[in-house]
């Protein structure tokens, strides 16, 4: 019985880390859709309702614009080698603008589940503070969003993939990985 109680407590803790049980959508998602939105000069910018913004690489000035929109956390999916060529320290710029900064880099392969959990934890906070999720072009962003919505909020795979595409997923290889992660054909 003690082992069963410990197992139940563990399952509850994992559910809390991910913000909810898979299949249950939080209130902040009600009626929200992914739609294009212009924010400064940021390429491929869109938003899910008014809580989560998706984008290609923002500039320092664009980060300030996201802050004006109420963004509290910037989640960057770009690798250090990509960021070195940027010409500014994005982490410092985000912090100077008063935003939290999280970097979970990936390129060709999806991040490991532990790394995805870090992204999910930030996205699950969107009801309490807006989030900017970005990479270079929004392609990786859309892939992560599709997996998040399908796995965390219980969207059917095709609906999750459609949201991912609206958020920027374009690469067939990333779509294939998202399909596999979602158990879609």
Protein backbone atom coordinates (compact mmCIF):
# COMPACT_ATOMS: atom_id res chain seq x y z
CA UNK A 1 0.00 0.00 0.00
CA UNK A 2 2.86 2.39 0.81
CA UNK A 3 4.36 1.77 -2.65
CA UNK A 4 1.01 2.55 -4.28
CA UNK A 5 0.70 5.79 -2.27
CA UNK A 6 4.25 6.77 -3.25
CA UNK A 7 3.48 6.01 -6.91
CA UNK A 8 0.28 8.09 -6.75
CA UNK A 9 2.18 10.98 -5.16
CA UNK A 10 4.79 10.74 -7.92
CA UNK A 11 2.15 10.84 -10.64
CA UNK A 12 0.53 13.85 -9.00
CA UNK A 13 3.89 15.64 -8.78
CA UNK A 14 4.59 15.03 -12.48
CA UNK A 15 1.12 16.33 -13.34
CA UNK A 16 1.78 19.48 -11.32
CA UNK A 17 5.15 20.02 -13.02
CA UNK A 18 3.47 19.84 -16.40
CA UNK A 19 0.68 22.11 -15.18
CA UNK A 20 -2.21 19.69 -15.62
CA UNK A 21 -3.10 16.22 -16.66
CA UNK A 22 -2.83 15.53 -20.37
CA UNK A 23 -6.14 16.19 -22.05
CA UNK A 24 -7.31 19.02 -19.82
CA UNK A 25 -6.93 22.46 -21.31
CA UNK A 26 -6.35 25.40 -18.95
CA UNK A 27 -8.77 28.32 -18.96
CA UNK A 28 -6.33 30.63 -20.75
CA UNK A 29 -6.60 28.48 -23.90
CA UNK A 30 -10.40 28.86 -24.22
CA UNK A 31 -11.28 30.23 -27.64
CA UNK A 32 -7.65 31.00 -28.50
CA UNK A 33 -6.30 30.38 -31.97
CA UNK A 34 -2.89 30.90 -33.57
CA UNK A 35 -2.96 34.04 -35.72
CA UNK A 36 -0.34 36.31 -37.29
CA UNK A 37 0.58 39.40 -35.29
CA UNK A 38 3.07 42.17 -36.04
CA UNK A 39 5.56 42.89 -33.26
CA UNK A 40 8.28 45.30 -34.28
CA UNK A 41 10.40 43.80 -37.05
CA UNK A 42 10.26 40.24 -35.67
CA UNK A 43 9.98 37.72 -38.53
CA UNK A 44 7.17 35.15 -38.64
CA UNK A 45 5.43 36.53 -35.56
CA UNK A 46 2.13 35.05 -34.45
CA UNK A 47 0.25 34.52 -31.20
CA UNK A 48 -2.00 32.02 -29.50
CA UNK A 49 -4.70 34.29 -28.13
CA UNK A 50 -2.92 36.94 -26.09
CA UNK A 51 -0.87 34.61 -23.89
CA UNK A 52 1.79 32.94 -26.06
CA UNK A 53 3.74 34.63 -28.84
CA UNK A 54 5.70 32.70 -31.50
CA UNK A 55 8.47 34.22 -33.56
CA UNK A 56 11.66 34.05 -35.48
CA UNK A 57 14.64 35.88 -33.99
CA UNK A 58 13.62 39.18 -32.30
CA UNK A 59 15.98 42.14 -32.08
CA UNK A 60 16.71 44.08 -28.87
CA UNK A 61 14.05 46.63 -29.91
CA UNK A 62 11.58 43.81 -30.61
CA UNK A 63 12.17 42.35 -27.13
CA UNK A 64 11.17 45.73 -25.70
CA UNK A 65 7.97 45.58 -27.80
CA UNK A 66 7.15 42.12 -26.43
CA UNK A 67 7.66 43.48 -22.93
CA UNK A 68 5.14 46.25 -23.67
CA UNK A 69 2.67 43.51 -24.68
CA UNK A 70 3.09 41.95 -21.24
CA UNK A 71 5.53 39.15 -22.02
CA UNK A 72 7.14 37.93 -18.80
CA UNK A 73 9.28 35.06 -20.15
CA UNK A 74 11.35 34.55 -23.30
CA UNK A 75 11.99 30.92 -24.27
CA UNK A 76 14.72 30.65 -26.90
CA UNK A 77 15.17 27.40 -28.85
CA UNK A 78 18.35 28.51 -30.66
CA UNK A 79 21.74 26.92 -30.06
CA UNK A 80 24.71 28.86 -28.68
CA UNK A 81 26.46 28.67 -32.07
CA UNK A 82 23.49 30.48 -33.66
CA UNK A 83 23.34 33.09 -30.91
CA UNK A 84 27.04 33.96 -31.19
CA UNK A 85 26.39 35.42 -34.66
CA UNK A 86 23.52 37.58 -33.44
CA UNK A 87 25.47 40.67 -32.44
CA UNK A 88 23.88 41.09 -29.00
CA UNK A 89 23.42 39.11 -25.81
CA UNK A 90 19.76 38.11 -25.89
CA UNK A 91 19.70 36.81 -22.32
CA UNK A 92 21.06 40.14 -21.05
CA UNK A 93 18.65 42.11 -23.28
CA UNK A 94 15.64 40.12 -22.04
CA UNK A 95 16.70 40.52 -18.42
CA UNK A 96 17.35 44.25 -18.92
CA UNK A 97 13.80 44.56 -20.26
CA UNK A 98 12.51 42.85 -17.11
CA UNK A 99 11.74 39.44 -18.59
CA UNK A 100 12.80 35.97 -17.52
CA UNK A 101 14.99 34.13 -20.02
CA UNK A 102 15.12 30.40 -20.70
CA UNK A 103 17.27 28.75 -23.38
CA UNK A 104 16.50 25.17 -24.44
CA UNK A 105 18.48 24.78 -27.67
CA UNK A 106 17.79 22.24 -30.38
CA UNK A 107 18.30 22.00 -34.10
CA UNK A 108 17.59 18.87 -36.15
CA UNK A 109 16.33 16.53 -33.45
CA UNK A 110 13.66 17.22 -30.86
CA UNK A 111 14.96 17.91 -27.37
CA UNK A 112 14.93 15.02 -24.89
CA UNK A 113 11.81 14.70 -22.75
CA UNK A 114 13.55 16.40 -19.81
CA UNK A 115 14.34 19.42 -21.98
CA UNK A 116 10.82 19.48 -23.40
CA UNK A 117 9.55 19.47 -19.80
CA UNK A 118 11.44 22.74 -19.19
CA UNK A 119 9.68 24.33 -22.17
CA UNK A 120 6.30 22.94 -21.10
CA UNK A 121 6.77 24.31 -17.59
CA UNK A 122 7.22 27.82 -19.02
CA UNK A 123 4.31 27.48 -21.46
CA UNK A 124 2.06 26.20 -18.69
CA UNK A 125 2.71 29.47 -16.84
CA UNK A 126 1.24 31.50 -19.72
CA UNK A 127 -2.03 31.94 -17.83
CA UNK A 128 -0.10 33.93 -15.23
CA UNK A 129 2.33 35.72 -17.52
CA UNK A 130 2.70 35.90 -21.27
CA UNK A 131 5.45 33.88 -22.99
CA UNK A 132 7.49 34.48 -26.14
CA UNK A 133 8.69 31.21 -27.71
CA UNK A 134 11.19 31.78 -30.51
CA UNK A 135 13.91 30.28 -32.67
CA UNK A 136 15.48 31.62 -35.87
CA UNK A 137 12.41 31.35 -38.11
CA UNK A 138 9.59 29.95 -35.90
CA UNK A 139 9.93 26.49 -37.49
CA UNK A 140 11.18 24.78 -34.32
CA UNK A 141 8.70 26.86 -32.34
CA UNK A 142 5.76 25.44 -34.28
CA UNK A 143 7.06 21.92 -33.78
CA UNK A 144 7.34 22.35 -30.02
CA UNK A 145 3.91 24.01 -29.88
CA UNK A 146 2.27 21.09 -31.74
CA UNK A 147 3.81 18.56 -29.36
CA UNK A 148 2.90 20.69 -26.33
CA UNK A 149 -0.73 21.13 -27.36
CA UNK A 150 -1.19 17.49 -28.29
CA UNK A 151 0.66 16.02 -25.34
CA UNK A 152 -0.21 18.51 -22.63
CA UNK A 153 -3.64 19.77 -23.63
CA UNK A 154 -4.96 16.63 -25.33
CA UNK A 155 -5.59 18.12 -28.77
CA UNK A 156 -6.06 15.49 -31.45
CA UNK A 157 -2.81 15.03 -33.39
CA UNK A 158 -4.09 16.68 -36.58
CA UNK A 159 -5.44 19.68 -34.67
CA UNK A 160 -2.15 20.02 -32.76
CA UNK A 161 -0.16 19.77 -36.00
CA UNK A 162 -2.38 22.42 -37.62
CA UNK A 163 -1.67 24.78 -34.72
CA UNK A 164 2.04 23.97 -35.02
CA UNK A 165 1.99 24.85 -38.72
CA UNK A 166 0.14 28.10 -37.99
CA UNK A 167 2.85 28.88 -35.41
CA UNK A 168 5.62 28.32 -37.96
CA UNK A 169 6.38 24.60 -38.40
CA UNK A 170 7.37 24.15 -42.05
CA UNK A 171 10.20 21.59 -42.25
CA UNK A 172 8.95 18.13 -43.24
CA UNK A 173 11.59 16.49 -41.01
CA UNK A 174 10.36 18.37 -37.94
CA UNK A 175 6.73 17.65 -38.81
CA UNK A 176 7.62 13.95 -39.07
CA UNK A 177 9.18 14.05 -35.59
CA UNK A 178 6.13 15.87 -34.21
CA UNK A 179 3.82 13.29 -35.79
CA UNK A 180 5.83 10.48 -34.23
CA UNK A 181 5.81 12.14 -30.81
CA UNK A 182 2.04 12.63 -31.06
CA UNK A 183 1.44 9.10 -32.33
CA UNK A 184 0.00 10.38 -35.61
CA UNK A 185 0.47 8.85 -39.04
